[in-house]
Amino acid sequence: MGVMRDGQARSVPAARVQRGVTRLPGWFVEHPHGGRRVQADQTTIHTRRLRTVRTFSPKDSDITRRWHVIDASDVVLGRLASHVAVLLRGKHKPIFAPHVDTGDFVIVVNASKVALSGSKLEQKQAYRHSGYPGGLRAVSYASLMAASPERAVEKAVRGMLPKNALGRKTLRKLKVYAGPDHPHQAQQPQPYQITQIEQ
């Protein structure tokens, strides 16, 4: 940085000149970014206006809930649950807000034909707890799928939703059925296709 006093050029240590603030007594100093020269005994502070973005909060009138039906035949359980969780939360909509339930209703049919990759059907365990000491219970997914495949799908989707009141409210929009039929024809659900690699 060039400094002139009595017509002679002198160098100034870097510690005495700060970026954005010019403060030197009795000298004329050039701005480090090529700005105008100022009297050094004046303090020039360069500020930048920050742009703040307000949190968007959709109103009830902005939310339009649709109904989707998904055929779970030969679909991997985790991939099915991730697609269902996105639809339930409304993350596929431009009005999505993390603190508001903006999602749609989802109907899952043929839950008994869902696929588990690898040896998870025999080795993976589904756990639940009664709340009392020693109340931990475990059951294999083979037994769970034979007894109630709806619980297997609901458990996988629940794990991908927020663990709070909003998540519990969101999960109530999920309807799971083991067979191909469902009682929601009056809502006119639209088929939702899940693209995946063949198993």
Foldseek 3Di string as FASTA:
>chain_A
DWKDDPRDTDDDDPVQQDQQWAADPQIWDAHPVRDDIDGRNDIGGDDDDDDDDDAQDDDPVVADAAEEEEEQAAAALLLVLVVVLCQLQVVVDPSGDNVDGRHYAYEYAQLLRHDHPDPQQAPPWDWDAPPDVPRIDIDGNVVVSVPPSQVVNLVSNLVVADPDPVSVVSSVSYHYYNHPDDDPVVSVHHYDDDDDDRD
